């Protein structure tokens, strides 16, 4: 997991006058939603930029490989919330 301050500094560097970007997109999914929202809000406070938020759900598949040889591998499909 990347340090929050480092992520914020990276965003600031990308959008600064020395950076090449006029717009950045921050993606998050599942358990990272809260962190992604906090990062975007802190970025907005520091830059006074406009936020454009989109939320969605995506289907993900977990491939489960058993530790015991006599069991079969399984796939588990579930929906995960995303924000960008």
PDB file of N, CA and C in Angstrom:
ATOM      1  N   UNK A   1       0.858  -1.175   0.000  1.00  0.00           N
ATOM      2  CA  UNK A   1       0.000   0.000   0.000  1.00  0.00           C
ATOM      3  C   UNK A   1       0.901   1.233   0.000  1.00  0.00           C
ATOM      4  N   UNK A   2       0.663   2.116  -0.949  1.00  0.00           N
ATOM      5  CA  UNK A   2       1.476   3.320  -1.090  1.00  0.00           C
ATOM      6  C   UNK A   2       1.094   4.356  -0.039  1.00  0.00           C
ATOM      7  N   UNK A   3       2.085   5.053   0.466  1.00  0.00           N
ATOM      8  CA  UNK A   3       1.889   6.106   1.449  1.00  0.00           C
ATOM      9  C   UNK A   3       0.941   7.175   0.903  1.00  0.00           C
ATOM     10  N   UNK A   4      -0.051   7.583   1.727  1.00  0.00           N
ATOM     11  CA  UNK A   4      -1.050   8.567   1.308  1.00  0.00           C
ATOM     12  C   UNK A   4      -0.395   9.882   0.900  1.00  0.00           C
ATOM     13  N   UNK A   5       0.549  10.345   1.703  1.00  0.00           N
ATOM     14  CA  UNK A   5       1.225  11.612   1.413  1.00  0.00           C
ATOM     15  C   UNK A   5       1.963  11.536   0.079  1.00  0.00           C
ATOM     16  N   UNK A   6       2.582  10.407  -0.196  1.00  0.00           N
ATOM     17  CA  UNK A   6       3.293  10.223  -1.467  1.00  0.00           C
ATOM     18  C   UNK A   6       2.326  10.252  -2.645  1.00  0.00           C
ATOM     19  N   UNK A   7       1.150   9.658  -2.471  1.00  0.00           N
ATOM     20  CA  UNK A   7       0.147   9.684  -3.537  1.00  0.00           C
ATOM     21  C   UNK A   7      -0.320  11.115  -3.802  1.00  0.00           C
ATOM     22  N   UNK A   8      -0.564  11.872  -2.733  1.00  0.00           N
ATOM     23  CA  UNK A   8      -1.004  13.255  -2.875  1.00  0.00           C
ATOM     24  C   UNK A   8       0.081  14.095  -3.550  1.00  0.00           C
ATOM     25  N   UNK A   9       1.325  13.913  -3.144  1.00  0.00           N
ATOM     26  CA  UNK A   9       2.436  14.652  -3.750  1.00  0.00           C
ATOM     27  C   UNK A   9       2.584  14.310  -5.228  1.00  0.00           C
ATOM     28  N   UNK A  10       2.356  13.060  -5.583  1.00  0.00           N
ATOM     29  CA  UNK A  10       2.418  12.649  -6.992  1.00  0.00           C
ATOM     30  C   UNK A  10       1.342  13.362  -7.802  1.00  0.00           C
ATOM     31  N   UNK A  11       0.134  13.433  -7.277  1.00  0.00           N
ATOM     32  CA  UNK A  11      -0.949  14.159  -7.950  1.00  0.00           C
ATOM     33  C   UNK A  11      -0.593  15.632  -8.112  1.00  0.00           C
ATOM     34  N   UNK A  12      -0.056  16.223  -7.057  1.00  0.00           N
ATOM     35  CA  UNK A  12       0.322  17.640  -7.091  1.00  0.00           C
ATOM     36  C   UNK A  12       1.399  17.882  -8.154  1.00  0.00           C
ATOM     37  N   UNK A  13       2.363  16.988  -8.242  1.00  0.00           N
ATOM     38  CA  UNK A  13       3.445  17.133  -9.210  1.00  0.00           C
ATOM     39  C   UNK A  13       2.916  17.033 -10.641  1.00  0.00           C
ATOM     40  N   UNK A  14       2.002  16.100 -10.873  1.00  0.00           N
ATOM     41  CA  UNK A  14       1.453  15.915 -12.213  1.00  0.00           C
ATOM     42  C   UNK A  14       0.694  17.142 -12.705  1.00  0.00           C
ATOM     43  N   UNK A  15      -0.006  17.805 -11.813  1.00  0.00           N
ATOM     44  CA  UNK A  15      -0.882  18.907 -12.205  1.00  0.00           C
ATOM     45  C   UNK A  15      -0.216  20.276 -12.035  1.00  0.00           C
ATOM     46  N   UNK A  16       0.970  20.308 -11.439  1.00  0.00           N
ATOM     47  CA  UNK A  16       1.648  21.585 -11.190  1.00  0.00           C
ATOM     48  C   UNK A  16       2.040  22.263 -12.501  1.00  0.00           C
ATOM     49  N   UNK A  17       2.494  23.486 -12.396  1.00  0.00           N
ATOM     50  CA  UNK A  17       2.884  24.234 -13.590  1.00  0.00           C
ATOM     51  C   UNK A  17       4.030  23.555 -14.333  1.00  0.00           C
ATOM     52  N   UNK A  18       4.826  22.760 -13.630  1.00  0.00           N
ATOM     53  CA  UNK A  18       5.919  22.029 -14.268  1.00  0.00           C
ATOM     54  C   UNK A  18       5.459  20.701 -14.859  1.00  0.00           C
ATOM     55  N   UNK A  19       4.268  20.269 -14.461  1.00  0.00           N
ATOM     56  CA  UNK A  19       3.757  18.992 -14.950  1.00  0.00           C
ATOM     57  C   UNK A  19       3.196  19.126 -16.350  1.00  0.00           C
ATOM     58  N   UNK A  20       2.982  17.998 -16.992  1.00  0.00           N
ATOM     59  CA  UNK A  20       2.466  17.990 -18.359  1.00  0.00           C
ATOM     60  C   UNK A  20       0.969  17.732 -18.420  1.00  0.00           C
ATOM     61  N   UNK A  21       0.306  17.653 -17.277  1.00  0.00           N
ATOM     62  CA  UNK A  21      -1.089  17.241 -17.254  1.00  0.00           C
ATOM     63  C   UNK A  21      -1.994  18.380 -16.800  1.00  0.00           C
ATOM     64  N   UNK A  22      -3.118  18.526 -17.483  1.00  0.00           N
ATOM     65  CA  UNK A  22      -4.130  19.498 -17.078  1.00  0.00           C
ATOM     66  C   UNK A  22      -5.270  18.806 -16.332  1.00  0.00           C
ATOM     67  N   UNK A  23      -5.300  17.502 -16.435  1.00  0.00           N
ATOM     68  CA  UNK A  23      -6.363  16.709 -15.810  1.00  0.00           C
ATOM     69  C   UNK A  23      -5.762  15.386 -15.364  1.00  0.00           C
ATOM     70  N   UNK A  24      -6.170  14.915 -14.194  1.00  0.00           N
ATOM     71  CA  UNK A  24      -5.758  13.585 -13.744  1.00  0.00           C
ATOM     72  C   UNK A  24      -6.998  12.821 -13.297  1.00  0.00           C
ATOM     73  N   UNK A  25      -6.927  11.517 -13.372  1.00  0.00           N
ATOM     74  CA  UNK A  25      -8.012  10.650 -12.928  1.00  0.00           C
ATOM     75  C   UNK A  25      -7.477   9.755 -11.822  1.00  0.00           C
ATOM     76  N   UNK A  26      -8.205   9.711 -10.718  1.00  0.00           N
ATOM     77  CA  UNK A  26      -7.844   8.863  -9.586  1.00  0.00           C
ATOM     78  C   UNK A  26      -8.877   7.743  -9.518  1.00  0.00           C
ATOM     79  N   UNK A  27      -8.422   6.505  -9.609  1.00  0.00           N
ATOM     80  CA  UNK A  27      -9.310   5.344  -9.578  1.00  0.00           C
ATOM     81  C   UNK A  27      -9.188   4.630  -8.233  1.00  0.00           C
ATOM     82  N   UNK A  28     -10.295   4.088  -7.772  1.00  0.00           N
ATOM     83  CA  UNK A  28     -10.286   3.259  -6.580  1.00  0.00           C
ATOM     84  C   UNK A  28     -11.378   2.218  -6.672  1.00  0.00           C
ATOM     85  N   UNK A  29     -11.160   1.083  -6.026  1.00  0.00           N
ATOM     86  CA  UNK A  29     -12.202   0.056  -6.017  1.00  0.00           C
ATOM     87  C   UNK A  29     -12.159  -0.727  -4.714  1.00  0.00           C
ATOM     88  N   UNK A  30     -13.323  -1.242  -4.359  1.00  0.00           N
ATOM     89  CA  UNK A  30     -13.424  -2.075  -3.166  1.00  0.00           C
ATOM     90  C   UNK A  30     -13.028  -1.351  -1.899  1.00  0.00           C
ATOM     91  N   UNK A  31     -12.117  -1.939  -1.162  1.00  0.00           N
ATOM     92  CA  UNK A  31     -11.722  -1.376   0.130  1.00  0.00           C
ATOM     93  C   UNK A  31     -10.917  -0.081  -0.009  1.00  0.00           C
ATOM     94  N   UNK A  32     -10.501   0.270  -1.214  1.00  0.00           N
ATOM     95  CA  UNK A  32      -9.737   1.508  -1.434  1.00  0.00           C
ATOM     96  C   UNK A  32     -10.636   2.714  -1.714  1.00  0.00           C
ATOM     97  N   UNK A  33     -11.956   2.547  -1.683  1.00  0.00           N
ATOM     98  CA  UNK A  33     -12.867   3.660  -1.984  1.00  0.00           C
ATOM     99  C   UNK A  33     -12.663   4.840  -1.044  1.00  0.00           C
ATOM    100  N   UNK A  34     -12.619   4.590   0.250  1.00  0.00           N
ATOM    101  CA  UNK A  34     -12.481   5.676   1.221  1.00  0.00           C
ATOM    102  C   UNK A  34     -11.162   6.422   1.019  1.00  0.00           C
ATOM    103  N   UNK A  35     -10.114   5.691   0.800  1.00  0.00           N
ATOM    104  CA  UNK A  35      -8.796   6.306   0.578  1.00  0.00           C
ATOM    105  C   UNK A  35      -8.804   7.152  -0.704  1.00  0.00           C
ATOM    106  N   UNK A  36      -9.439   6.652  -1.744  1.00  0.00           N
ATOM    107  CA  UNK A  36      -9.519   7.374  -3.013  1.00  0.00           C
ATOM    108  C   UNK A  36     -10.296   8.671  -2.853  1.00  0.00           C
ATOM    109  N   UNK A  37     -11.405   8.622  -2.136  1.00  0.00           N
ATOM    110  CA  UNK A  37     -12.206   9.825  -1.887  1.00  0.00           C
ATOM    111  C   UNK A  37     -11.406  10.829  -1.074  1.00  0.00           C
ATOM    112  N   UNK A  38     -10.741  10.376  -0.026  1.00  0.00           N
ATOM    113  CA  UNK A  38      -9.923  11.277   0.796  1.00  0.00           C
ATOM    114  C   UNK A  38      -8.796  11.907  -0.017  1.00  0.00           C
ATOM    115  N   UNK A  39      -8.172  11.135  -0.881  1.00  0.00           N
ATOM    116  CA  UNK A  39      -7.101  11.657  -1.726  1.00  0.00           C
ATOM    117  C   UNK A  39      -7.632  12.748  -2.657  1.00  0.00           C
ATOM    118  N   UNK A  40      -8.768  12.495  -3.284  1.00  0.00           N
ATOM    119  CA  UNK A  40      -9.357  13.488  -4.188  1.00  0.00           C
ATOM    120  C   UNK A  40      -9.751  14.761  -3.440  1.00  0.00           C
ATOM    121  N   UNK A  41     -10.329  14.617  -2.254  1.00  0.00           N
ATOM    122  CA  UNK A  41     -10.737  15.795  -1.481  1.00  0.00           C
ATOM    123  C   UNK A  41      -9.533  16.604  -1.006  1.00  0.00           C
ATOM    124  N   UNK A  42      -8.486  15.940  -0.559  1.00  0.00           N
ATOM    125  CA  UNK A  42      -7.267  16.652  -0.155  1.00  0.00           C
ATOM    126  C   UNK A  42      -6.625  17.355  -1.348  1.00  0.00           C
ATOM    127  N   UNK A  43      -6.648  16.716  -2.493  1.00  0.00           N
ATOM    128  CA  UNK A  43      -6.112  17.315  -3.709  1.00  0.00           C
ATOM    129  C   UNK A  43      -6.914  18.560  -4.086  1.00  0.00           C
ATOM    130  N   UNK A  44      -8.231  18.470  -3.946  1.00  0.00           N
ATOM    131  CA  UNK A  44      -9.091  19.617  -4.253  1.00  0.00           C
ATOM    132  C   UNK A  44      -8.792  20.789  -3.317  1.00  0.00           C
ATOM    133  N   UNK A  45      -8.620  20.519  -2.036  1.00  0.00           N
ATOM    134  CA  UNK A  45      -8.320  21.576  -1.067  1.00  0.00           C
ATOM    135  C   UNK A  45      -7.004  22.266  -1.415  1.00  0.00           C
ATOM    136  N   UNK A  46      -6.000  21.495  -1.785  1.00  0.00           N
ATOM    137  CA  UNK A  46      -4.673  22.057  -2.052  1.00  0.00           C
ATOM    138  C   UNK A  46      -4.581  22.782  -3.393  1.00  0.00           C
ATOM    139  N   UNK A  47      -5.420  22.416  -4.353  1.00  0.00           N
ATOM    140  CA  UNK A  47      -5.310  22.993  -5.695  1.00  0.00           C
ATOM    141  C   UNK A  47      -6.499  23.848  -6.098  1.00  0.00           C
ATOM    142  N   UNK A  48      -7.581  23.775  -5.340  1.00  0.00           N
ATOM    143  CA  UNK A  48      -8.818  24.480  -5.687  1.00  0.00           C
ATOM    144  C   UNK A  48      -9.321  24.050  -7.071  1.00  0.00           C
ATOM    145  N   UNK A  49      -9.129  22.784  -7.393  1.00  0.00           N
ATOM    146  CA  UNK A  49      -9.565  22.269  -8.683  1.00  0.00           C
ATOM    147  C   UNK A  49     -11.001  21.755  -8.590  1.00  0.00           C
ATOM    148  N   UNK A  50     -11.562  21.453  -9.732  1.00  0.00           N
ATOM    149  CA  UNK A  50     -12.920  20.931  -9.807  1.00  0.00           C
ATOM    150  C   UNK A  50     -12.870  19.404  -9.835  1.00  0.00           C
ATOM    151  N   UNK A  51     -13.736  18.774  -9.049  1.00  0.00           N
ATOM    152  CA  UNK A  51     -13.831  17.314  -9.050  1.00  0.00           C
ATOM    153  C   UNK A  51     -15.011  16.877  -9.898  1.00  0.00           C
ATOM    154  N   UNK A  52     -14.829  15.808 -10.620  1.00  0.00           N
ATOM    155  CA  UNK A  52     -15.897  15.190 -11.388  1.00  0.00           C
ATOM    156  C   UNK A  52     -15.897  13.720 -11.001  1.00  0.00           C
ATOM    157  N   UNK A  53     -16.906  13.285 -10.268  1.00  0.00           N
ATOM    158  CA  UNK A  53     -16.918  11.941  -9.684  1.00  0.00           C
ATOM    159  C   UNK A  53     -17.869  11.019 -10.433  1.00  0.00           C
ATOM    160  N   UNK A  54     -17.399   9.817 -10.693  1.00  0.00           N
ATOM    161  CA  UNK A  54     -18.229   8.778 -11.299  1.00  0.00           C
ATOM    162  C   UNK A  54     -18.095   7.523 -10.445  1.00  0.00           C
ATOM    163  N   UNK A  55     -19.210   6.857 -10.207  1.00  0.00           N
ATOM    164  CA  UNK A  55     -19.192   5.601  -9.459  1.00  0.00           C
ATOM    165  C   UNK A  55     -19.780   4.500 -10.335  1.00  0.00           C
ATOM    166  N   UNK A  56     -19.367   3.294 -10.077  1.00  0.00           N
ATOM    167  CA  UNK A  56     -19.851   2.154 -10.846  1.00  0.00           C
ATOM    168  C   UNK A  56     -19.616   0.889 -10.036  1.00  0.00           C
ATOM    169  N   UNK A  57     -20.071  -0.219 -10.576  1.00  0.00           N
ATOM    170  CA  UNK A  57     -19.772  -1.543 -10.030  1.00  0.00           C
ATOM    171  C   UNK A  57     -19.207  -2.381 -11.158  1.00  0.00           C
ATOM    172  N   UNK A  58     -18.197  -3.171 -10.841  1.00  0.00           N
ATOM    173  CA  UNK A  58     -17.635  -4.070 -11.839  1.00  0.00           C
ATOM    174  C   UNK A  58     -17.636  -5.487 -11.284  1.00  0.00           C
ATOM    175  N   UNK A  59     -17.698  -6.426 -12.192  1.00  0.00           N
ATOM    176  CA  UNK A  59     -17.663  -7.830 -11.806  1.00  0.00           C
ATOM    177  C   UNK A  59     -16.211  -8.303 -11.806  1.00  0.00           C
ATOM    178  N   UNK A  60     -15.795  -8.909 -10.718  1.00  0.00           N
ATOM    179  CA  UNK A  60     -14.439  -9.458 -10.617  1.00  0.00           C
ATOM    180  C   UNK A  60     -14.535 -10.950 -10.302  1.00  0.00           C
ATOM    181  N   UNK A  61     -13.524 -11.679 -10.716  1.00  0.00           N
ATOM    182  CA  UNK A  61     -13.477 -13.115 -10.465  1.00  0.00           C
ATOM    183  C   UNK A  61     -12.232 -13.446  -9.661  1.00  0.00           C
ATOM    184  N   UNK A  62     -12.433 -14.101  -8.543  1.00  0.00           N
ATOM    185  CA  UNK A  62     -11.334 -14.591  -7.721  1.00  0.00           C
ATOM    186  C   UNK A  62     -11.069 -16.044  -8.106  1.00  0.00           C
ATOM    187  N   UNK A  63      -9.819 -16.351  -8.398  1.00  0.00           N
ATOM    188  CA  UNK A  63      -9.421 -17.728  -8.697  1.00  0.00           C
ATOM    189  C   UNK A  63      -8.847 -18.317  -7.411  1.00  0.00           C
ATOM    190  N   UNK A  64      -9.562 -19.267  -6.841  1.00  0.00           N
ATOM    191  CA  UNK A  64      -9.185 -19.858  -5.557  1.00  0.00           C
ATOM    192  C   UNK A  64      -8.473 -21.185  -5.786  1.00  0.00           C
ATOM    193  N   UNK A  65      -7.233 -21.246  -5.353  1.00  0.00           N
ATOM    194  CA  UNK A  65      -6.437 -22.463  -5.505  1.00  0.00           C
ATOM    195  C   UNK A  65      -6.263 -23.078  -4.120  1.00  0.00           C
ATOM    196  N   UNK A  66      -6.771 -24.300  -3.926  1.00  0.00           N
ATOM    197  CA  UNK A  66      -6.705 -24.925  -2.596  1.00  0.00           C
ATOM    198  C   UNK A  66      -5.277 -25.304  -2.205  1.00  0.00           C
ATOM    199  N   UNK A  67      -5.044 -25.324  -0.923  1.00  0.00           N
ATOM    200  CA  UNK A  67      -3.741 -25.731  -0.401  1.00  0.00           C
ATOM    201  C   UNK A  67      -3.597 -27.251  -0.370  1.00  0.00           C
ATOM    202  N   UNK A  68      -4.724 -27.940  -0.377  1.00  0.00           N
ATOM    203  CA  UNK A  68      -4.711 -29.407  -0.353  1.00  0.00           C
ATOM    204  C   UNK A  68      -4.867 -29.950  -1.771  1.00  0.00           C
ATOM    205  N   UNK A  69      -4.097 -30.956  -2.116  1.00  0.00           N
ATOM    206  CA  UNK A  69      -4.100 -31.506  -3.476  1.00  0.00           C
ATOM    207  C   UNK A  69      -5.414 -32.176  -3.861  1.00  0.00           C
ATOM    208  N   UNK A  70      -6.166 -32.691  -2.902  1.00  0.00           N
ATOM    209  CA  UNK A  70      -7.379 -33.432  -3.225  1.00  0.00           C
ATOM    210  C   UNK A  70      -8.591 -32.529  -3.465  1.00  0.00           C
ATOM    211  N   UNK A  71      -8.428 -31.223  -3.395  1.00  0.00           N
ATOM    212  CA  UNK A  71      -9.526 -30.289  -3.651  1.00  0.00           C
ATOM    213  C   UNK A  71      -9.344 -29.622  -5.010  1.00  0.00           C
ATOM    214  N   UNK A  72     -10.460 -29.313  -5.642  1.00  0.00           N
ATOM    215  CA  UNK A  72     -10.437 -28.681  -6.964  1.00  0.00           C
ATOM    216  C   UNK A  72     -10.350 -27.159  -6.836  1.00  0.00           C
ATOM    217  N   UNK A  73      -9.662 -26.500  -7.768  1.00  0.00           N
ATOM    218  CA  UNK A  73      -9.664 -25.030  -7.789  1.00  0.00           C
ATOM    219  C   UNK A  73     -11.080 -24.519  -8.045  1.00  0.00           C
ATOM    220  N   UNK A  74     -11.364 -23.333  -7.550  1.00  0.00           N
ATOM    221  CA  UNK A  74     -12.696 -22.743  -7.713  1.00  0.00           C
ATOM    222  C   UNK A  74     -12.565 -21.305  -8.193  1.00  0.00           C
ATOM    223  N   UNK A  75     -13.617 -20.832  -8.838  1.00  0.00           N
ATOM    224  CA  UNK A  75     -13.720 -19.429  -9.204  1.00  0.00           C
ATOM    225  C   UNK A  75     -14.891 -18.830  -8.452  1.00  0.00           C
ATOM    226  N   UNK A  76     -14.702 -17.642  -7.924  1.00  0.00           N
ATOM    227  CA  UNK A  76     -15.758 -16.940  -7.197  1.00  0.00           C
ATOM    228  C   UNK A  76     -15.937 -15.572  -7.851  1.00  0.00           C
ATOM    229  N   UNK A  77     -17.130 -15.311  -8.369  1.00  0.00           N
ATOM    230  CA  UNK A  77     -17.420 -14.042  -9.028  1.00  0.00           C
ATOM    231  C   UNK A  77     -18.221 -13.163  -8.083  1.00  0.00           C
ATOM    232  N   UNK A  78     -17.844 -11.876  -8.034  1.00  0.00           N
ATOM    233  CA  UNK A  78     -18.535 -10.932  -7.151  1.00  0.00           C
ATOM    234  C   UNK A  78     -18.493  -9.539  -7.772  1.00  0.00           C
ATOM    235  N   UNK A  79     -19.329  -8.654  -7.248  1.00  0.00           N
ATOM    236  CA  UNK A  79     -19.380  -7.266  -7.708  1.00  0.00           C
ATOM    237  C   UNK A  79     -18.625  -6.380  -6.723  1.00  0.00           C
ATOM    238  N   UNK A  80     -17.867  -5.429  -7.264  1.00  0.00           N
ATOM    239  CA  UNK A  80     -17.067  -4.515  -6.454  1.00  0.00           C
ATOM    240  C   UNK A  80     -17.389  -3.086  -6.882  1.00  0.00           C
ATOM    241  N   UNK A  81     -17.568  -2.200  -5.902  1.00  0.00           N
ATOM    242  CA  UNK A  81     -17.813  -0.788  -6.190  1.00  0.00           C
ATOM    243  C   UNK A  81     -16.523  -0.118  -6.639  1.00  0.00           C
ATOM    244  N   UNK A  82     -16.656   0.834  -7.565  1.00  0.00           N
ATOM    245  CA  UNK A  82     -15.503   1.596  -8.048  1.00  0.00           C
ATOM    246  C   UNK A  82     -15.832   3.083  -8.053  1.00  0.00           C
ATOM    247  N   UNK A  83     -14.796   3.904  -8.024  1.00  0.00           N
ATOM    248  CA  UNK A  83     -14.946   5.349  -8.138  1.00  0.00           C
ATOM    249  C   UNK A  83     -13.794   5.865  -8.987  1.00  0.00           C
ATOM    250  N   UNK A  84     -14.085   6.837  -9.822  1.00  0.00           N
ATOM    251  CA  UNK A  84     -13.053   7.494 -10.614  1.00  0.00           C
ATOM    252  C   UNK A  84     -13.569   8.854 -11.070  1.00  0.00           C
TER     253      UNK A  84
END
